[in-house]
Amino acid sequence: MSHVTIPIVESERLLLRAPSVEDFELYQKFYTDGKASSAYGGPISPADTWNRLKADLGSWYLLGFGVWVVQDKASGECLGTCGFWQGVGWPRELTWWLLPEARGKGIAREASQAAIAHAYGSMGWNKVETYMNDENIPARRLTERLGGVKDRRELFPDGLTRDIFLFPKPE
């Protein structure tokens, strides 16, 4: 397998860096908490959590993009993930999750803004999109705060229909 360099993205308060084996505890804390991870299929077992971490890292090698671990620059604390995901037959999407104690502090918004800017800038993408299940109101609100505009509604491989939102290029 060829070597892949995963970019580091910085914002005012945050460092978005490659996932690593050291992040298993972060992933486990999130994915084994049923309430925190309910929008992501949780709770899941530690073994399935390990597979999620491996998939997130593997995405960079297979697709050239993936999610970063969101780390507070001041404290070094890891707060969640943000970046890009694409399953087989699914559109590429901006995605994020945060530990419950990191929510409500503008972290997801700041990390998402940095990821969107990086995708349009350094990665040269011509569009950045996201989607969520209809009942995921917090994700929809954040998407709208980030400037996401409903572009279309589409049937997904899991049989659900979802709105797809397009983010504008940052100025």
N, C-alpha and C. Protein backbone atom coordinates (compact mmCIF):
# COMPACT_ATOMS: atom_id res chain seq x y z
N MET A 1 0.86 -1.19 0.00
CA MET A 1 0.00 0.00 0.00
C MET A 1 0.90 1.24 0.00
N SER A 2 0.54 2.20 -0.80
CA SER A 2 1.33 3.42 -0.87
C SER A 2 1.09 4.29 0.35
N HIS A 3 2.03 5.14 0.63
CA HIS A 3 1.95 6.06 1.76
C HIS A 3 0.98 7.19 1.44
N VAL A 4 0.15 7.52 2.39
CA VAL A 4 -0.81 8.61 2.25
C VAL A 4 -0.51 9.62 3.35
N THR A 5 -0.44 10.87 2.97
CA THR A 5 -0.28 11.93 3.96
C THR A 5 -1.64 12.54 4.23
N ILE A 6 -2.08 12.41 5.47
CA ILE A 6 -3.37 12.97 5.86
C ILE A 6 -3.12 14.40 6.33
N PRO A 7 -3.78 15.36 5.69
CA PRO A 7 -3.51 16.76 6.05
C PRO A 7 -3.98 17.08 7.47
N ILE A 8 -3.32 18.03 8.07
CA ILE A 8 -3.75 18.59 9.35
C ILE A 8 -4.42 19.91 9.03
N VAL A 9 -5.60 20.13 9.58
CA VAL A 9 -6.35 21.36 9.35
C VAL A 9 -6.51 22.05 10.70
N GLU A 10 -6.27 23.35 10.72
CA GLU A 10 -6.38 24.11 11.97
C GLU A 10 -7.43 25.19 11.85
N SER A 11 -8.09 25.46 12.95
CA SER A 11 -8.99 26.60 13.08
C SER A 11 -8.52 27.36 14.32
N GLU A 12 -9.27 28.34 14.71
CA GLU A 12 -8.85 29.16 15.86
C GLU A 12 -8.59 28.31 17.10
N ARG A 13 -9.54 27.44 17.45
CA ARG A 13 -9.43 26.64 18.68
C ARG A 13 -9.08 25.19 18.46
N LEU A 14 -9.17 24.72 17.22
CA LEU A 14 -9.14 23.28 16.97
C LEU A 14 -8.04 22.84 16.03
N LEU A 15 -7.64 21.59 16.23
CA LEU A 15 -6.74 20.90 15.33
C LEU A 15 -7.52 19.70 14.80
N LEU A 16 -7.60 19.57 13.49
CA LEU A 16 -8.22 18.41 12.87
C LEU A 16 -7.07 17.56 12.35
N ARG A 17 -6.91 16.37 12.93
CA ARG A 17 -5.76 15.52 12.63
C ARG A 17 -6.20 14.09 12.32
N ALA A 18 -5.28 13.33 11.79
CA ALA A 18 -5.56 11.94 11.40
C ALA A 18 -5.98 11.11 12.61
N PRO A 19 -6.96 10.22 12.41
CA PRO A 19 -7.28 9.26 13.46
C PRO A 19 -6.10 8.30 13.65
N SER A 20 -5.94 7.79 14.86
CA SER A 20 -4.86 6.83 15.14
C SER A 20 -5.34 5.82 16.18
N VAL A 21 -4.53 4.81 16.42
CA VAL A 21 -4.88 3.78 17.40
C VAL A 21 -5.10 4.40 18.78
N GLU A 22 -4.43 5.49 19.07
CA GLU A 22 -4.61 6.17 20.36
C GLU A 22 -6.01 6.75 20.53
N ASP A 23 -6.77 6.86 19.45
CA ASP A 23 -8.12 7.42 19.51
C ASP A 23 -9.20 6.38 19.78
N PHE A 24 -8.80 5.13 19.99
CA PHE A 24 -9.79 4.08 20.24
C PHE A 24 -10.62 4.41 21.48
N GLU A 25 -10.01 4.94 22.51
CA GLU A 25 -10.76 5.30 23.73
C GLU A 25 -11.82 6.38 23.43
N LEU A 26 -11.48 7.37 22.63
CA LEU A 26 -12.43 8.40 22.21
C LEU A 26 -13.60 7.77 21.47
N TYR A 27 -13.30 6.93 20.49
CA TYR A 27 -14.34 6.27 19.71
C TYR A 27 -15.22 5.40 20.61
N GLN A 28 -14.57 4.67 21.51
CA GLN A 28 -15.32 3.78 22.40
C GLN A 28 -16.23 4.58 23.32
N LYS A 29 -15.74 5.69 23.83
CA LYS A 29 -16.56 6.54 24.72
C LYS A 29 -17.81 7.02 23.99
N PHE A 30 -17.66 7.38 22.71
CA PHE A 30 -18.80 7.86 21.94
C PHE A 30 -19.72 6.71 21.52
N TYR A 31 -19.18 5.71 20.84
CA TYR A 31 -20.01 4.69 20.21
C TYR A 31 -20.66 3.71 21.18
N THR A 32 -20.14 3.57 22.39
CA THR A 32 -20.79 2.68 23.36
C THR A 32 -21.82 3.43 24.21
N ASP A 33 -21.92 4.73 24.02
CA ASP A 33 -22.95 5.55 24.68
C ASP A 33 -24.15 5.62 23.73
N GLY A 34 -25.21 4.89 24.07
CA GLY A 34 -26.37 4.78 23.19
C GLY A 34 -27.02 6.11 22.88
N LYS A 35 -27.11 6.98 23.86
CA LYS A 35 -27.74 8.29 23.63
C LYS A 35 -26.86 9.16 22.73
N ALA A 36 -25.57 9.19 23.02
CA ALA A 36 -24.66 10.04 22.24
C ALA A 36 -24.56 9.59 20.79
N SER A 37 -24.57 8.28 20.56
CA SER A 37 -24.30 7.75 19.22
C SER A 37 -25.55 7.24 18.50
N SER A 38 -26.72 7.58 18.98
CA SER A 38 -27.95 7.03 18.39
C SER A 38 -28.11 7.38 16.91
N ALA A 39 -27.67 8.56 16.48
CA ALA A 39 -27.78 8.95 15.08
C ALA A 39 -26.73 8.26 14.20
N TYR A 40 -25.83 7.51 14.84
CA TYR A 40 -24.76 6.82 14.13
C TYR A 40 -24.85 5.31 14.30
N GLY A 41 -26.04 4.81 14.65
CA GLY A 41 -26.23 3.38 14.78
C GLY A 41 -25.87 2.81 16.12
N GLY A 42 -25.56 3.67 17.08
CA GLY A 42 -25.12 3.20 18.40
C GLY A 42 -26.28 2.90 19.32
N PRO A 43 -25.98 2.25 20.41
CA PRO A 43 -24.63 1.86 20.82
C PRO A 43 -24.15 0.64 20.04
N ILE A 44 -22.83 0.56 19.90
CA ILE A 44 -22.23 -0.60 19.24
C ILE A 44 -21.17 -1.17 20.17
N SER A 45 -20.76 -2.38 19.88
CA SER A 45 -19.80 -3.08 20.72
C SER A 45 -18.40 -2.49 20.57
N PRO A 46 -17.51 -2.76 21.52
CA PRO A 46 -16.12 -2.33 21.35
C PRO A 46 -15.49 -2.87 20.06
N ALA A 47 -15.82 -4.10 19.67
CA ALA A 47 -15.25 -4.65 18.43
C ALA A 47 -15.74 -3.87 17.21
N ASP A 48 -17.03 -3.52 17.19
CA ASP A 48 -17.56 -2.72 16.08
C ASP A 48 -17.00 -1.30 16.12
N THR A 49 -16.75 -0.79 17.32
CA THR A 49 -16.13 0.53 17.46
C THR A 49 -14.73 0.52 16.85
N TRP A 50 -13.98 -0.54 17.12
CA TRP A 50 -12.64 -0.70 16.56
C TRP A 50 -12.72 -0.71 15.03
N ASN A 51 -13.75 -1.38 14.48
CA ASN A 51 -13.93 -1.40 13.03
C ASN A 51 -14.26 -0.03 12.47
N ARG A 52 -15.02 0.78 13.21
CA ARG A 52 -15.31 2.15 12.77
C ARG A 52 -14.03 2.97 12.69
N LEU A 53 -13.19 2.86 13.71
CA LEU A 53 -11.93 3.60 13.71
C LEU A 53 -11.07 3.16 12.52
N LYS A 54 -10.98 1.86 12.28
CA LYS A 54 -10.19 1.37 11.14
C LYS A 54 -10.77 1.85 9.82
N ALA A 55 -12.10 1.87 9.70
CA ALA A 55 -12.73 2.35 8.47
C ALA A 55 -12.46 3.84 8.26
N ASP A 56 -12.52 4.62 9.34
CA ASP A 56 -12.25 6.06 9.21
C ASP A 56 -10.83 6.31 8.72
N LEU A 57 -9.88 5.58 9.26
CA LEU A 57 -8.50 5.74 8.81
C LEU A 57 -8.32 5.18 7.39
N GLY A 58 -8.95 4.06 7.11
CA GLY A 58 -8.84 3.44 5.79
C GLY A 58 -9.42 4.28 4.68
N SER A 59 -10.42 5.09 4.99
CA SER A 59 -11.03 5.96 3.98
C SER A 59 -9.99 6.87 3.34
N TRP A 60 -9.06 7.37 4.14
CA TRP A 60 -8.02 8.25 3.60
C TRP A 60 -7.19 7.50 2.55
N TYR A 61 -6.91 6.24 2.81
CA TYR A 61 -6.09 5.44 1.89
C TYR A 61 -6.86 5.01 0.65
N LEU A 62 -8.14 4.69 0.82
CA LEU A 62 -8.93 4.20 -0.31
C LEU A 62 -9.51 5.31 -1.17
N LEU A 63 -9.93 6.42 -0.54
CA LEU A 63 -10.67 7.46 -1.25
C LEU A 63 -9.94 8.81 -1.33
N GLY A 64 -8.90 8.98 -0.52
CA GLY A 64 -8.19 10.26 -0.51
C GLY A 64 -8.83 11.30 0.37
N PHE A 65 -9.85 10.92 1.14
CA PHE A 65 -10.49 11.79 2.11
C PHE A 65 -11.05 10.94 3.23
N GLY A 66 -11.41 11.59 4.32
CA GLY A 66 -11.96 10.88 5.46
C GLY A 66 -12.29 11.86 6.57
N VAL A 67 -12.41 11.34 7.77
CA VAL A 67 -12.67 12.21 8.91
C VAL A 67 -11.37 12.44 9.68
N TRP A 68 -11.34 13.58 10.33
CA TRP A 68 -10.26 13.91 11.24
C TRP A 68 -10.76 13.77 12.67
N VAL A 69 -9.85 13.57 13.59
CA VAL A 69 -10.16 13.69 15.01
C VAL A 69 -10.08 15.17 15.34
N VAL A 70 -11.09 15.66 16.05
CA VAL A 70 -11.15 17.06 16.45
C VAL A 70 -10.51 17.17 17.84
N GLN A 71 -9.46 17.97 17.89
CA GLN A 71 -8.69 18.11 19.13
C GLN A 71 -8.64 19.58 19.53
N ASP A 72 -8.89 19.86 20.80
CA ASP A 72 -8.78 21.22 21.33
C ASP A 72 -7.30 21.59 21.40
N LYS A 73 -6.90 22.68 20.75
CA LYS A 73 -5.49 23.07 20.70
C LYS A 73 -4.96 23.45 22.08
N ALA A 74 -5.77 24.10 22.89
CA ALA A 74 -5.31 24.57 24.20
C ALA A 74 -5.09 23.42 25.18
N SER A 75 -6.04 22.50 25.25
CA SER A 75 -5.97 21.42 26.25
C SER A 75 -5.42 20.11 25.71
N GLY A 76 -5.46 19.93 24.39
CA GLY A 76 -5.06 18.66 23.80
C GLY A 76 -6.15 17.61 23.85
N GLU A 77 -7.29 17.95 24.44
CA GLU A 77 -8.39 17.01 24.59
C GLU A 77 -9.03 16.70 23.23
N CYS A 78 -9.31 15.42 23.00
CA CYS A 78 -9.99 14.99 21.78
C CYS A 78 -11.49 15.02 22.04
N LEU A 79 -12.23 15.65 21.12
CA LEU A 79 -13.64 15.97 21.34
C LEU A 79 -14.60 15.19 20.44
N GLY A 80 -14.11 14.63 19.33
CA GLY A 80 -14.97 13.93 18.38
C GLY A 80 -14.29 13.83 17.05
N THR A 81 -15.10 13.75 15.98
CA THR A 81 -14.55 13.71 14.63
C THR A 81 -15.34 14.65 13.72
N CYS A 82 -14.71 15.02 12.63
CA CYS A 82 -15.35 15.83 11.60
C CYS A 82 -14.59 15.58 10.31
N GLY A 83 -15.31 15.50 9.22
CA GLY A 83 -14.66 15.30 7.94
C GLY A 83 -15.64 14.74 6.93
N PHE A 84 -15.15 13.83 6.09
CA PHE A 84 -15.94 13.37 4.96
C PHE A 84 -16.04 11.85 4.95
N TRP A 85 -17.21 11.37 4.57
CA TRP A 85 -17.52 9.95 4.54
C TRP A 85 -18.27 9.65 3.26
N GLN A 86 -18.06 8.43 2.75
CA GLN A 86 -18.83 7.99 1.60
C GLN A 86 -18.88 6.47 1.60
N GLY A 87 -20.09 5.94 1.76
CA GLY A 87 -20.29 4.51 1.67
C GLY A 87 -20.55 4.10 0.23
N VAL A 88 -20.52 2.82 -0.05
CA VAL A 88 -20.77 2.31 -1.39
C VAL A 88 -22.19 2.69 -1.80
N GLY A 89 -22.32 3.42 -2.91
CA GLY A 89 -23.61 3.84 -3.42
C GLY A 89 -24.19 5.07 -2.74
N TRP A 90 -23.44 5.66 -1.83
CA TRP A 90 -23.90 6.84 -1.09
C TRP A 90 -23.16 8.08 -1.60
N PRO A 91 -23.80 9.26 -1.54
CA PRO A 91 -23.07 10.49 -1.88
C PRO A 91 -22.00 10.79 -0.82
N ARG A 92 -20.96 11.47 -1.24
CA ARG A 92 -19.94 11.92 -0.29
C ARG A 92 -20.58 12.99 0.61
N GLU A 93 -20.28 12.94 1.90
CA GLU A 93 -20.90 13.89 2.82
C GLU A 93 -19.93 14.43 3.86
N LEU A 94 -20.19 15.65 4.29
CA LEU A 94 -19.58 16.20 5.49
C LEU A 94 -20.28 15.55 6.66
N THR A 95 -19.51 15.05 7.62
CA THR A 95 -20.09 14.41 8.79
C THR A 95 -19.30 14.83 10.03
N TRP A 96 -19.92 14.68 11.17
CA TRP A 96 -19.26 15.01 12.43
C TRP A 96 -19.97 14.29 13.56
N TRP A 97 -19.25 14.06 14.63
CA TRP A 97 -19.84 13.67 15.91
C TRP A 97 -18.96 14.19 17.02
N LEU A 98 -19.60 14.53 18.13
CA LEU A 98 -18.88 15.05 19.29
C LEU A 98 -19.31 14.31 20.53
N LEU A 99 -18.40 14.20 21.49
CA LEU A 99 -18.76 13.70 22.80
C LEU A 99 -19.80 14.64 23.41
N PRO A 100 -20.70 14.13 24.22
CA PRO A 100 -21.75 14.99 24.81
C PRO A 100 -21.20 16.23 25.53
N GLU A 101 -20.09 16.09 26.23
CA GLU A 101 -19.56 17.24 26.98
C GLU A 101 -18.95 18.32 26.08
N ALA A 102 -18.75 18.02 24.81
CA ALA A 102 -18.19 19.01 23.88
C ALA A 102 -19.28 19.73 23.09
N ARG A 103 -20.52 19.31 23.24
CA ARG A 103 -21.61 19.90 22.46
C ARG A 103 -22.05 21.24 23.03
N GLY A 104 -22.64 22.06 22.16
CA GLY A 104 -23.16 23.35 22.60
C GLY A 104 -22.10 24.43 22.79
N LYS A 105 -20.90 24.20 22.28
CA LYS A 105 -19.79 25.16 22.45
C LYS A 105 -19.26 25.68 21.12
N GLY A 106 -19.97 25.37 20.03
CA GLY A 106 -19.54 25.82 18.71
C GLY A 106 -18.43 24.99 18.10
N ILE A 107 -18.12 23.85 18.71
CA ILE A 107 -17.02 23.00 18.22
C ILE A 107 -17.38 22.39 16.87
N ALA A 108 -18.56 21.80 16.76
CA ALA A 108 -18.95 21.16 15.49
C ALA A 108 -19.00 22.19 14.37
N ARG A 109 -19.47 23.37 14.68
CA ARG A 109 -19.54 24.42 13.66
C ARG A 109 -18.15 24.85 13.21
N GLU A 110 -17.26 25.08 14.17
CA GLU A 110 -15.90 25.52 13.84
C GLU A 110 -15.15 24.43 13.06
N ALA A 111 -15.28 23.19 13.49
CA ALA A 111 -14.61 22.08 12.79
C ALA A 111 -15.17 21.91 11.39
N SER A 112 -16.49 22.01 11.26
CA SER A 112 -17.13 21.86 9.94
C SER A 112 -16.73 22.98 9.00
N GLN A 113 -16.66 24.21 9.50
CA GLN A 113 -16.23 25.33 8.66
C GLN A 113 -14.81 25.09 8.15
N ALA A 114 -13.94 24.59 9.02
CA ALA A 114 -12.56 24.31 8.61
C ALA A 114 -12.51 23.20 7.57
N ALA A 115 -13.32 22.15 7.76
CA ALA A 115 -13.36 21.03 6.81
C ALA A 115 -13.90 21.48 5.45
N ILE A 116 -14.96 22.28 5.47
CA ILE A 116 -15.55 22.78 4.22
C ILE A 116 -14.54 23.65 3.46
N ALA A 117 -13.89 24.55 4.17
CA ALA A 117 -12.88 25.42 3.54
C ALA A 117 -11.74 24.60 2.96
N HIS A 118 -11.31 23.56 3.67
CA HIS A 118 -10.22 22.71 3.19
C HIS A 118 -10.65 21.94 1.93
N ALA A 119 -11.89 21.44 1.94
CA ALA A 119 -12.38 20.68 0.77
C ALA A 119 -12.44 21.56 -0.48
N TYR A 120 -12.99 22.76 -0.33
CA TYR A 120 -13.07 23.66 -1.49
C TYR A 120 -11.70 24.20 -1.88
N GLY A 121 -10.86 24.45 -0.89
CA GLY A 121 -9.55 25.04 -1.14
C GLY A 121 -8.50 24.02 -1.52
N SER A 122 -7.87 23.43 -0.54
CA SER A 122 -6.74 22.52 -0.75
C SER A 122 -7.10 21.27 -1.54
N MET A 123 -8.32 20.76 -1.34
CA MET A 123 -8.70 19.53 -2.04
C MET A 123 -9.30 19.82 -3.42
N GLY A 124 -9.68 21.07 -3.69
CA GLY A 124 -10.18 21.47 -4.99
C GLY A 124 -11.55 20.90 -5.37
N TRP A 125 -12.36 20.57 -4.39
CA TRP A 125 -13.68 20.02 -4.68
C TRP A 125 -14.59 21.10 -5.25
N ASN A 126 -15.50 20.69 -6.13
CA ASN A 126 -16.46 21.66 -6.69
C ASN A 126 -17.78 21.67 -5.92
N LYS A 127 -17.96 20.74 -4.97
CA LYS A 127 -19.14 20.79 -4.11
C LYS A 127 -18.87 20.04 -2.82
N VAL A 128 -19.50 20.54 -1.77
CA VAL A 128 -19.47 19.89 -0.46
C VAL A 128 -20.91 19.77 -0.01
N GLU A 129 -21.31 18.55 0.32
CA GLU A 129 -22.70 18.27 0.69
C GLU A 129 -22.76 17.55 2.02
N THR A 130 -23.96 17.54 2.59
CA THR A 130 -24.25 16.70 3.74
C THR A 130 -25.70 16.28 3.69
N TYR A 131 -26.04 15.31 4.51
CA TYR A 131 -27.42 14.84 4.63
C TYR A 131 -27.54 14.18 5.99
N MET A 132 -28.77 14.01 6.41
CA MET A 132 -29.04 13.37 7.69
C MET A 132 -30.44 12.80 7.65
N ASN A 133 -30.73 11.91 8.59
CA ASN A 133 -32.10 11.41 8.71
C ASN A 133 -33.00 12.57 9.07
N ASP A 134 -34.25 12.51 8.63
CA ASP A 134 -35.19 13.61 8.83
C ASP A 134 -35.37 13.99 10.30
N GLU A 135 -35.28 13.02 11.19
CA GLU A 135 -35.51 13.32 12.61
C GLU A 135 -34.27 13.87 13.32
N ASN A 136 -33.14 13.99 12.63
CA ASN A 136 -31.92 14.51 13.26
C ASN A 136 -31.93 16.05 13.17
N ILE A 137 -32.76 16.65 13.99
CA ILE A 137 -32.96 18.10 13.99
C ILE A 137 -31.68 18.86 14.35
N PRO A 138 -30.88 18.43 15.35
CA PRO A 138 -29.65 19.16 15.63
C PRO A 138 -28.70 19.24 14.43
N ALA A 139 -28.57 18.15 13.68
CA ALA A 139 -27.69 18.17 12.49
C ALA A 139 -28.25 19.09 11.42
N ARG A 140 -29.56 19.08 11.25
CA ARG A 140 -30.19 19.97 10.27
C ARG A 140 -29.96 21.44 10.65
N ARG A 141 -30.11 21.74 11.94
CA ARG A 141 -29.90 23.14 12.39
C ARG A 141 -28.46 23.58 12.16
N LEU A 142 -27.51 22.72 12.49
CA LEU A 142 -26.11 23.08 12.27
C LEU A 142 -25.84 23.26 10.78
N THR A 143 -26.37 22.39 9.97
CA THR A 143 -26.21 22.50 8.52
C THR A 143 -26.71 23.86 8.03
N GLU A 144 -27.86 24.27 8.51
CA GLU A 144 -28.41 25.57 8.11
C GLU A 144 -27.55 26.72 8.63
N ARG A 145 -27.03 26.61 9.86
CA ARG A 145 -26.14 27.65 10.40
C ARG A 145 -24.85 27.76 9.60
N LEU A 146 -24.44 26.64 9.01
CA LEU A 146 -23.23 26.63 8.18
C LEU A 146 -23.50 27.14 6.77
N GLY A 147 -24.74 27.49 6.47
CA GLY A 147 -25.09 28.01 5.15
C GLY A 147 -25.56 26.94 4.19
N GLY A 148 -25.74 25.70 4.66
CA GLY A 148 -26.20 24.63 3.80
C GLY A 148 -27.61 24.90 3.28
N VAL A 149 -27.81 24.67 2.00
CA VAL A 149 -29.09 24.90 1.35
C VAL A 149 -29.56 23.58 0.75
N LYS A 150 -30.84 23.25 0.98
CA LYS A 150 -31.37 22.01 0.43
C LYS A 150 -31.26 22.03 -1.09
N ASP A 151 -30.59 21.03 -1.63
CA ASP A 151 -30.35 20.93 -3.06
C ASP A 151 -31.31 19.94 -3.71
N ARG A 152 -31.58 18.83 -3.00
CA ARG A 152 -32.46 17.79 -3.57
C ARG A 152 -32.82 16.80 -2.47
N ARG A 153 -33.76 15.93 -2.79
CA ARG A 153 -34.14 14.84 -1.91
C ARG A 153 -33.89 13.56 -2.69
N GLU A 154 -33.29 12.58 -2.03
CA GLU A 154 -32.83 11.39 -2.75
C GLU A 154 -33.11 10.13 -1.93
N LEU A 155 -33.36 9.03 -2.63
CA LEU A 155 -33.50 7.71 -2.01
C LEU A 155 -32.10 7.13 -1.83
N PHE A 156 -31.82 6.64 -0.62
CA PHE A 156 -30.49 6.12 -0.28
C PHE A 156 -30.49 4.59 -0.29
N PRO A 157 -29.30 3.98 -0.33
CA PRO A 157 -29.21 2.52 -0.36
C PRO A 157 -29.87 1.81 0.82
N ASP A 158 -30.06 2.51 1.95
CA ASP A 158 -30.70 1.87 3.10
C ASP A 158 -32.23 1.95 3.04
N GLY A 159 -32.76 2.49 1.92
CA GLY A 159 -34.21 2.57 1.73
C GLY A 159 -34.85 3.83 2.26
N LEU A 160 -34.08 4.71 2.92
CA LEU A 160 -34.61 5.98 3.43
C LEU A 160 -34.40 7.09 2.41
N THR A 161 -35.31 8.04 2.42
CA THR A 161 -35.18 9.24 1.60
C THR A 161 -34.70 10.37 2.48
N ARG A 162 -33.72 11.12 2.00
CA ARG A 162 -33.14 12.21 2.80
C ARG A 162 -32.96 13.46 1.92
N ASP A 163 -32.98 14.62 2.60
CA ASP A 163 -32.61 15.88 1.96
C ASP A 163 -31.09 15.94 1.88
N ILE A 164 -30.57 16.42 0.75
CA ILE A 164 -29.14 16.65 0.58
C ILE A 164 -28.93 18.15 0.51
N PHE A 165 -28.02 18.63 1.36
CA PHE A 165 -27.73 20.06 1.47
C PHE A 165 -26.37 20.35 0.85
N LEU A 166 -26.30 21.45 0.13
CA LEU A 166 -25.08 21.91 -0.51
C LEU A 166 -24.55 23.11 0.27
N PHE A 167 -23.25 23.09 0.58
CA PHE A 167 -22.61 24.20 1.27
C PHE A 167 -21.98 25.16 0.25
N PRO A 168 -22.11 26.45 0.47
CA PRO A 168 -21.45 27.41 -0.43
C PRO A 168 -19.95 27.42 -0.19
N LYS A 169 -19.21 27.84 -1.23
CA LYS A 169 -17.76 28.02 -1.07
C LYS A 169 -17.53 29.18 -0.12
N PRO A 170 -16.58 29.01 0.83
CA PRO A 170 -16.26 30.13 1.72
C PRO A 170 -15.63 31.27 0.93
N GLU A 171 -15.87 32.48 1.38
CA GLU A 171 -15.31 33.65 0.68
C GLU A 171 -13.93 33.97 1.18
